[in-house]
PDB file of all heavy atoms in Angstrom:
ATOM      1  N   TYR A   1     -21.391 -19.668   1.055  1.00  0.00           N
ATOM      2  CA  TYR A   1     -21.454 -18.517   0.235  1.00  0.00           C
ATOM      3  C   TYR A   1     -21.391 -17.187   1.149  1.00  0.00           C
ATOM      4  O   TYR A   1     -20.991 -16.183   0.736  1.00  0.00           O
ATOM      5  CB  TYR A   1     -22.615 -18.485  -0.632  1.00  0.00           C
ATOM      6  CG  TYR A   1     -22.371 -19.411  -1.894  1.00  0.00           C
ATOM      7  CD1 TYR A   1     -22.893 -20.734  -1.778  1.00  0.00           C
ATOM      8  CD2 TYR A   1     -21.528 -19.024  -2.868  1.00  0.00           C
ATOM      9  CE1 TYR A   1     -22.558 -21.634  -2.851  1.00  0.00           C
ATOM     10  CE2 TYR A   1     -21.265 -19.970  -3.899  1.00  0.00           C
ATOM     11  CZ  TYR A   1     -21.858 -21.283  -3.890  1.00  0.00           C
ATOM     12  OH  TYR A   1     -21.491 -22.039  -4.831  1.00  0.00           O
ATOM     13  N   ASN A   2     -21.978 -17.359   2.330  1.00  0.00           N
ATOM     14  CA  ASN A   2     -21.906 -16.197   3.331  1.00  0.00           C
ATOM     15  C   ASN A   2     -20.317 -15.778   3.668  1.00  0.00           C
ATOM     16  O   ASN A   2     -19.929 -14.713   3.639  1.00  0.00           O
ATOM     17  CB  ASN A   2     -22.549 -16.529   4.619  1.00  0.00           C
ATOM     18  CG  ASN A   2     -24.068 -16.514   4.493  1.00  0.00           C
ATOM     19  OD1 ASN A   2     -24.635 -15.958   3.521  1.00  0.00           O
ATOM     20  ND2 ASN A   2     -24.659 -17.165   5.437  1.00  0.00           N
ATOM     21  N   GLN A   3     -19.568 -16.955   3.826  1.00  0.00           N
ATOM     22  CA  GLN A   3     -18.160 -16.770   4.111  1.00  0.00           C
ATOM     23  C   GLN A   3     -17.422 -16.088   2.847  1.00  0.00           C
ATOM     24  O   GLN A   3     -16.636 -15.160   3.064  1.00  0.00           O
ATOM     25  CB  GLN A   3     -17.426 -18.100   4.381  1.00  0.00           C
ATOM     26  CG  GLN A   3     -17.852 -18.650   5.676  1.00  0.00           C
ATOM     27  CD  GLN A   3     -17.376 -20.005   5.937  1.00  0.00           C
ATOM     28  OE1 GLN A   3     -16.948 -20.754   5.032  1.00  0.00           O
ATOM     29  NE2 GLN A   3     -17.407 -20.524   7.220  1.00  0.00           N
ATOM     30  N   ARG A   4     -17.792 -16.551   1.759  1.00  0.00           N
ATOM     31  CA  ARG A   4     -17.198 -15.909   0.491  1.00  0.00           C
ATOM     32  C   ARG A   4     -17.730 -14.411   0.422  1.00  0.00           C
ATOM     33  O   ARG A   4     -16.809 -13.624   0.005  1.00  0.00           O
ATOM     34  CB  ARG A   4     -17.651 -16.675  -0.837  1.00  0.00           C
ATOM     35  CG  ARG A   4     -17.121 -18.165  -0.653  1.00  0.00           C
ATOM     36  CD  ARG A   4     -17.271 -18.824  -2.135  1.00  0.00           C
ATOM     37  NE  ARG A   4     -16.421 -18.100  -3.047  1.00  0.00           N
ATOM     38  CZ  ARG A   4     -16.540 -18.269  -4.330  1.00  0.00           C
ATOM     39  NH1 ARG A   4     -17.594 -19.052  -4.865  1.00  0.00           N
ATOM     40  NH2 ARG A   4     -15.685 -17.743  -5.214  1.00  0.00           N
ATOM     41  N   ARG A   5     -18.948 -14.256   0.606  1.00  0.00           N
ATOM     42  CA  ARG A   5     -19.466 -12.831   0.454  1.00  0.00           C
ATOM     43  C   ARG A   5     -18.798 -11.835   1.501  1.00  0.00           C
ATOM     44  O   ARG A   5     -18.388 -10.743   1.125  1.00  0.00           O
ATOM     45  CB  ARG A   5     -21.019 -12.810   0.744  1.00  0.00           C
ATOM     46  CG  ARG A   5     -21.593 -11.578   0.220  1.00  0.00           C
ATOM     47  CD  ARG A   5     -23.126 -11.652   0.499  1.00  0.00           C
ATOM     48  NE  ARG A   5     -23.803 -12.709  -0.314  1.00  0.00           N
ATOM     49  CZ  ARG A   5     -24.281 -13.826   0.191  1.00  0.00           C
ATOM     50  NH1 ARG A   5     -24.261 -13.932   1.519  1.00  0.00           N
ATOM     51  NH2 ARG A   5     -24.769 -14.761  -0.540  1.00  0.00           N
ATOM     52  N   GLN A   6     -18.524 -12.341   2.680  1.00  0.00           N
ATOM     53  CA  GLN A   6     -17.936 -11.430   3.783  1.00  0.00           C
ATOM     54  C   GLN A   6     -16.523 -11.264   3.323  1.00  0.00           C
ATOM     55  O   GLN A   6     -15.977 -10.241   3.702  1.00  0.00           O
ATOM     56  CB  GLN A   6     -18.079 -12.048   4.996  1.00  0.00           C
ATOM     57  CG  GLN A   6     -19.478 -12.254   5.583  1.00  0.00           C
ATOM     58  CD  GLN A   6     -20.226 -10.862   5.496  1.00  0.00           C
ATOM     59  OE1 GLN A   6     -19.740  -9.786   5.862  1.00  0.00           O
ATOM     60  NE2 GLN A   6     -21.501 -10.816   4.895  1.00  0.00           N
ATOM     61  N   GLN A   7     -15.856 -12.120   2.723  1.00  0.00           N
ATOM     62  CA  GLN A   7     -14.503 -11.983   2.305  1.00  0.00           C
ATOM     63  C   GLN A   7     -14.240 -10.775   1.348  1.00  0.00           C
ATOM     64  O   GLN A   7     -13.122 -10.282   1.301  1.00  0.00           O
ATOM     65  CB  GLN A   7     -13.900 -13.276   1.656  1.00  0.00           C
ATOM     66  CG  GLN A   7     -12.393 -13.305   1.442  1.00  0.00           C
ATOM     67  CD  GLN A   7     -11.971 -14.555   0.706  1.00  0.00           C
ATOM     68  OE1 GLN A   7     -12.656 -15.180   0.020  1.00  0.00           O
ATOM     69  NE2 GLN A   7     -10.701 -14.758   0.992  1.00  0.00           N
ATOM     70  N   LEU A   8     -15.372 -10.513   0.579  1.00  0.00           N
ATOM     71  CA  LEU A   8     -15.152  -9.454  -0.433  1.00  0.00           C
ATOM     72  C   LEU A   8     -14.902  -8.078   0.321  1.00  0.00           C
ATOM     73  O   LEU A   8     -14.325  -7.249  -0.349  1.00  0.00           O
ATOM     74  CB  LEU A   8     -16.460  -9.263  -1.207  1.00  0.00           C
ATOM     75  CG  LEU A   8     -16.679 -10.423  -2.240  1.00  0.00           C
ATOM     76  CD1 LEU A   8     -18.114 -10.130  -2.941  1.00  0.00           C
ATOM     77  CD2 LEU A   8     -15.641 -10.687  -3.175  1.00  0.00           C
ATOM     78  N   LYS A   9     -15.415  -8.045   1.494  1.00  0.00           N
ATOM     79  CA  LYS A   9     -15.237  -6.706   2.343  1.00  0.00           C
ATOM     80  C   LYS A   9     -13.892  -6.487   2.632  1.00  0.00           C
ATOM     81  O   LYS A   9     -13.424  -5.438   3.075  1.00  0.00           O
ATOM     82  CB  LYS A   9     -16.151  -6.734   3.405  1.00  0.00           C
ATOM     83  CG  LYS A   9     -17.691  -6.820   3.163  1.00  0.00           C
ATOM     84  CD  LYS A   9     -18.443  -6.840   4.339  1.00  0.00           C
ATOM     85  CE  LYS A   9     -19.888  -6.995   3.903  1.00  0.00           C
ATOM     86  NZ  LYS A   9     -20.918  -7.085   5.242  1.00  0.00           N
ATOM     87  N   LYS A  10     -12.990  -7.463   2.600  1.00  0.00           N
ATOM     88  CA  LYS A  10     -11.615  -7.432   3.135  1.00  0.00           C
ATOM     89  C   LYS A  10     -10.522  -7.326   1.987  1.00  0.00           C
ATOM     90  O   LYS A  10      -9.422  -7.297   2.204  1.00  0.00           O
ATOM     91  CB  LYS A  10     -11.188  -8.690   3.908  1.00  0.00           C
ATOM     92  CG  LYS A  10     -12.250  -8.974   5.043  1.00  0.00           C
ATOM     93  CD  LYS A  10     -11.957 -10.258   5.676  1.00  0.00           C
ATOM     94  CE  LYS A  10     -12.847 -10.608   6.854  1.00  0.00           C
ATOM     95  NZ  LYS A  10     -12.525 -11.911   7.475  1.00  0.00           N
ATOM     96  N   VAL A  11     -11.076  -7.265   0.759  1.00  0.00           N
ATOM     97  CA  VAL A  11     -10.194  -7.233  -0.419  1.00  0.00           C
ATOM     98  C   VAL A  11     -10.455  -6.047  -1.280  1.00  0.00           C
ATOM     99  O   VAL A  11     -11.535  -5.434  -1.228  1.00  0.00           O
ATOM    100  CB  VAL A  11     -10.158  -8.523  -1.224  1.00  0.00           C
ATOM    101  CG1 VAL A  11      -9.760  -9.727  -0.337  1.00  0.00           C
ATOM    102  CG2 VAL A  11     -11.593  -8.714  -1.836  1.00  0.00           C
ATOM    103  N   GLN A  12      -9.334  -5.724  -2.137  1.00  0.00           N
ATOM    104  CA  GLN A  12      -9.616  -4.563  -3.043  1.00  0.00           C
ATOM    105  C   GLN A  12      -9.136  -5.064  -4.453  1.00  0.00           C
ATOM    106  O   GLN A  12      -8.299  -5.970  -4.742  1.00  0.00           O
ATOM    107  CB  GLN A  12      -8.681  -3.325  -2.604  1.00  0.00           C
ATOM    108  CG  GLN A  12      -9.053  -2.938  -1.213  1.00  0.00           C
ATOM    109  CD  GLN A  12     -10.384  -2.155  -1.237  1.00  0.00           C
ATOM    110  OE1 GLN A  12     -10.838  -1.572  -2.122  1.00  0.00           O
ATOM    111  NE2 GLN A  12     -11.082  -2.210  -0.078  1.00  0.00           N
ATOM    112  N   PRO A  13      -9.683  -4.337  -5.520  1.00  0.00           N
ATOM    113  CA  PRO A  13      -9.145  -4.570  -6.784  1.00  0.00           C
ATOM    114  C   PRO A  13      -7.627  -4.418  -6.910  1.00  0.00           C
ATOM    115  O   PRO A  13      -7.040  -3.587  -6.235  1.00  0.00           O
ATOM    116  CB  PRO A  13      -9.796  -3.533  -7.733  1.00  0.00           C
ATOM    117  CG  PRO A  13     -11.069  -3.127  -6.844  1.00  0.00           C
ATOM    118  CD  PRO A  13     -10.586  -3.192  -5.492  1.00  0.00           C
ATOM    119  N   ASN A  14      -6.989  -5.171  -7.687  1.00  0.00           N
ATOM    120  CA  ASN A  14      -5.564  -5.116  -7.968  1.00  0.00           C
ATOM    121  C   ASN A  14      -5.343  -4.394  -9.300  1.00  0.00           C
ATOM    122  O   ASN A  14      -6.203  -4.039 -10.137  1.00  0.00           O
ATOM    123  CB  ASN A  14      -4.969  -6.553  -7.790  1.00  0.00           C
ATOM    124  CG  ASN A  14      -5.314  -7.477  -8.697  1.00  0.00           C
ATOM    125  OD1 ASN A  14      -5.134  -7.164 -10.069  1.00  0.00           O
ATOM    126  ND2 ASN A  14      -5.823  -8.636  -8.453  1.00  0.00           N
ATOM    127  N   PRO A  15      -3.976  -4.160  -9.572  1.00  0.00           N
ATOM    128  CA  PRO A  15      -3.697  -3.530 -10.773  1.00  0.00           C
ATOM    129  C   PRO A  15      -4.269  -4.099 -12.035  1.00  0.00           C
ATOM    130  O   PRO A  15      -4.526  -3.302 -13.086  1.00  0.00           O
ATOM    131  CB  PRO A  15      -2.050  -3.444 -10.802  1.00  0.00           C
ATOM    132  CG  PRO A  15      -1.769  -3.481  -9.384  1.00  0.00           C
ATOM    133  CD  PRO A  15      -2.799  -4.367  -8.733  1.00  0.00           C
ATOM    134  N   ALA A  16      -4.415  -5.368 -12.187  1.00  0.00           N
ATOM    135  CA  ALA A  16      -5.018  -5.980 -13.327  1.00  0.00           C
ATOM    136  C   ALA A  16      -6.448  -5.518 -13.518  1.00  0.00           C
ATOM    137  O   ALA A  16      -6.935  -5.310 -14.674  1.00  0.00           O
ATOM    138  CB  ALA A  16      -4.868  -7.550 -13.258  1.00  0.00           C
ATOM    139  N   HIS A  17      -7.190  -5.574 -12.449  1.00  0.00           N
ATOM    140  CA  HIS A  17      -8.609  -5.073 -12.601  1.00  0.00           C
ATOM    141  C   HIS A  17      -8.604  -3.653 -12.954  1.00  0.00           C
ATOM    142  O   HIS A  17      -9.427  -3.243 -13.901  1.00  0.00           O
ATOM    143  CB  HIS A  17      -9.297  -5.143 -11.198  1.00  0.00           C
ATOM    144  CG  HIS A  17      -9.519  -6.606 -10.679  1.00  0.00           C
ATOM    145  ND1 HIS A  17      -8.643  -7.066  -9.643  1.00  0.00           N
ATOM    146  CD2 HIS A  17     -10.356  -7.519 -10.947  1.00  0.00           C
ATOM    147  CE1 HIS A  17      -9.056  -8.331  -9.414  1.00  0.00           C
ATOM    148  NE2 HIS A  17     -10.123  -8.597 -10.236  1.00  0.00           N
ATOM    149  N   VAL A  18      -7.701  -2.886 -12.439  1.00  0.00           N
ATOM    150  CA  VAL A  18      -7.706  -1.378 -12.717  1.00  0.00           C
ATOM    151  C   VAL A  18      -7.217  -1.248 -14.206  1.00  0.00           C
ATOM    152  O   VAL A  18      -7.785  -0.323 -14.833  1.00  0.00           O
ATOM    153  CB  VAL A  18      -6.723  -0.618 -11.757  1.00  0.00           C
ATOM    154  CG1 VAL A  18      -6.559   0.756 -12.236  1.00  0.00           C
ATOM    155  CG2 VAL A  18      -7.219  -0.721 -10.348  1.00  0.00           C
ATOM    156  N   ALA A  19      -6.397  -1.928 -14.692  1.00  0.00           N
ATOM    157  CA  ALA A  19      -5.914  -1.882 -16.121  1.00  0.00           C
ATOM    158  C   ALA A  19      -7.007  -2.204 -17.165  1.00  0.00           C
ATOM    159  O   ALA A  19      -7.162  -1.431 -18.104  1.00  0.00           O
ATOM    160  CB  ALA A  19      -4.742  -2.848 -16.279  1.00  0.00           C
ATOM    161  N   LEU A  20      -7.785  -3.183 -16.761  1.00  0.00           N
ATOM    162  CA  LEU A  20      -8.818  -3.455 -17.643  1.00  0.00           C
ATOM    163  C   LEU A  20      -9.944  -2.394 -17.694  1.00  0.00           C
ATOM    164  O   LEU A  20     -10.550  -2.043 -18.692  1.00  0.00           O
ATOM    165  CB  LEU A  20      -9.553  -4.839 -17.376  1.00  0.00           C
ATOM    166  CG  LEU A  20      -8.609  -5.987 -17.543  1.00  0.00           C
ATOM    167  CD1 LEU A  20      -9.235  -7.327 -17.108  1.00  0.00           C
ATOM    168  CD2 LEU A  20      -8.351  -6.179 -19.082  1.00  0.00           C
ATOM    169  N   ALA A  21     -10.271  -1.698 -16.556  1.00  0.00           N
ATOM    170  CA  ALA A  21     -11.134  -0.599 -16.475  1.00  0.00           C
ATOM    171  C   ALA A  21     -10.563   0.501 -17.257  1.00  0.00           C
ATOM    172  O   ALA A  21     -11.335   1.293 -17.999  1.00  0.00           O
ATOM    173  CB  ALA A  21     -11.380  -0.291 -14.980  1.00  0.00           C
ATOM    174  N   THR A  22      -9.241   0.754 -17.013  1.00  0.00           N
ATOM    175  CA  THR A  22      -8.573   1.769 -17.965  1.00  0.00           C
ATOM    176  C   THR A  22      -8.694   1.545 -19.310  1.00  0.00           C
ATOM    177  O   THR A  22      -8.975   2.469 -20.203  1.00  0.00           O
ATOM    178  CB  THR A  22      -7.117   1.954 -17.444  1.00  0.00           C
ATOM    179  OG1 THR A  22      -7.065   2.248 -16.174  1.00  0.00           O
ATOM    180  CG2 THR A  22      -6.435   3.024 -18.263  1.00  0.00           C
ATOM    181  N   LEU A  23      -8.581   0.318 -19.778  1.00  0.00           N
ATOM    182  CA  LEU A  23      -8.761  -0.088 -21.260  1.00  0.00           C
ATOM    183  C   LEU A  23     -10.127   0.229 -21.703  1.00  0.00           C
ATOM    184  O   LEU A  23     -10.293   0.801 -22.773  1.00  0.00           O
ATOM    185  CB  LEU A  23      -8.447  -1.606 -21.434  1.00  0.00           C
ATOM    186  CG  LEU A  23      -8.492  -2.040 -22.866  1.00  0.00           C
ATOM    187  CD1 LEU A  23      -7.484  -1.504 -23.754  1.00  0.00           C
ATOM    188  CD2 LEU A  23      -8.427  -3.530 -22.758  1.00  0.00           C
ATOM    189  N   GLU A  24     -11.130  -0.066 -20.929  1.00  0.00           N
ATOM    190  CA  GLU A  24     -12.490   0.150 -21.265  1.00  0.00           C
ATOM    191  C   GLU A  24     -12.662   1.572 -21.439  1.00  0.00           C
ATOM    192  O   GLU A  24     -13.445   2.113 -22.416  1.00  0.00           O
ATOM    193  CB  GLU A  24     -13.488  -0.354 -20.330  1.00  0.00           C
ATOM    194  CG  GLU A  24     -15.012  -0.112 -20.607  1.00  0.00           C
ATOM    195  CD  GLU A  24     -15.875  -0.444 -19.409  1.00  0.00           C
ATOM    196  OE1 GLU A  24     -15.761  -1.610 -18.917  1.00  0.00           O
ATOM    197  OE2 GLU A  24     -16.680   0.322 -18.985  1.00  0.00           O
ATOM    198  N   LYS A  25     -12.202   2.468 -20.541  1.00  0.00           N
ATOM    199  CA  LYS A  25     -12.425   3.865 -20.597  1.00  0.00           C
ATOM    200  C   LYS A  25     -11.634   4.617 -21.776  1.00  0.00           C
ATOM    201  O   LYS A  25     -12.218   5.570 -22.324  1.00  0.00           O
ATOM    202  CB  LYS A  25     -11.895   4.557 -19.337  1.00  0.00           C
ATOM    203  CG  LYS A  25     -12.103   5.994 -19.190  1.00  0.00           C
ATOM    204  CD  LYS A  25     -11.614   6.515 -17.812  1.00  0.00           C
ATOM    205  CE  LYS A  25     -11.809   7.962 -17.742  1.00  0.00           C
ATOM    206  NZ  LYS A  25     -11.361   8.580 -16.386  1.00  0.00           N
ATOM    207  N   ASN A  26     -10.616   4.020 -22.188  1.00  0.00           N
ATOM    208  CA  ASN A  26      -9.786   4.754 -23.249  1.00  0.00           C
ATOM    209  C   ASN A  26      -9.767   4.145 -24.624  1.00  0.00           C
ATOM    210  O   ASN A  26      -9.411   4.753 -25.586  1.00  0.00           O
ATOM    211  CB  ASN A  26      -8.276   4.794 -22.674  1.00  0.00           C
ATOM    212  CG  ASN A  26      -8.199   5.734 -21.498  1.00  0.00           C
ATOM    213  OD1 ASN A  26      -8.236   6.962 -21.484  1.00  0.00           O
ATOM    214  ND2 ASN A  26      -8.058   5.216 -20.353  1.00  0.00           N
ATOM    215  N   TRP A  27     -10.257   2.843 -24.667  1.00  0.00           N
ATOM    216  CA  TRP A  27     -10.141   2.206 -26.057  1.00  0.00           C
ATOM    217  C   TRP A  27     -11.354   2.740 -26.836  1.00  0.00           C
ATOM    218  O   TRP A  27     -12.569   2.707 -26.551  1.00  0.00           O
ATOM    219  CB  TRP A  27     -10.373   0.777 -25.749  1.00  0.00           C
ATOM    220  CG  TRP A  27     -10.186  -0.003 -27.134  1.00  0.00           C
ATOM    221  CD1 TRP A  27     -11.136  -0.794 -27.708  1.00  0.00           C
ATOM    222  CD2 TRP A  27      -9.094  -0.139 -27.903  1.00  0.00           C
ATOM    223  NE1 TRP A  27     -10.664  -1.355 -28.942  1.00  0.00           N
ATOM    224  CE2 TRP A  27      -9.348  -1.048 -29.043  1.00  0.00           C
ATOM    225  CE3 TRP A  27      -7.666   0.221 -27.796  1.00  0.00           C
ATOM    226  CZ2 TRP A  27      -8.542  -1.296 -30.047  1.00  0.00           C
ATOM    227  CZ3 TRP A  27      -6.774  -0.095 -28.782  1.00  0.00           C
ATOM    228  CH2 TRP A  27      -7.231  -0.945 -29.863  1.00  0.00           C
TER     229      TRP A  27
END
């Protein structure tokens, strides 16, 4: 789980994550 946790620091949300956040904000 340390390896998985450290991997989070190397990645970013993609357009699908952003789209769902946009839906929440505007729906």
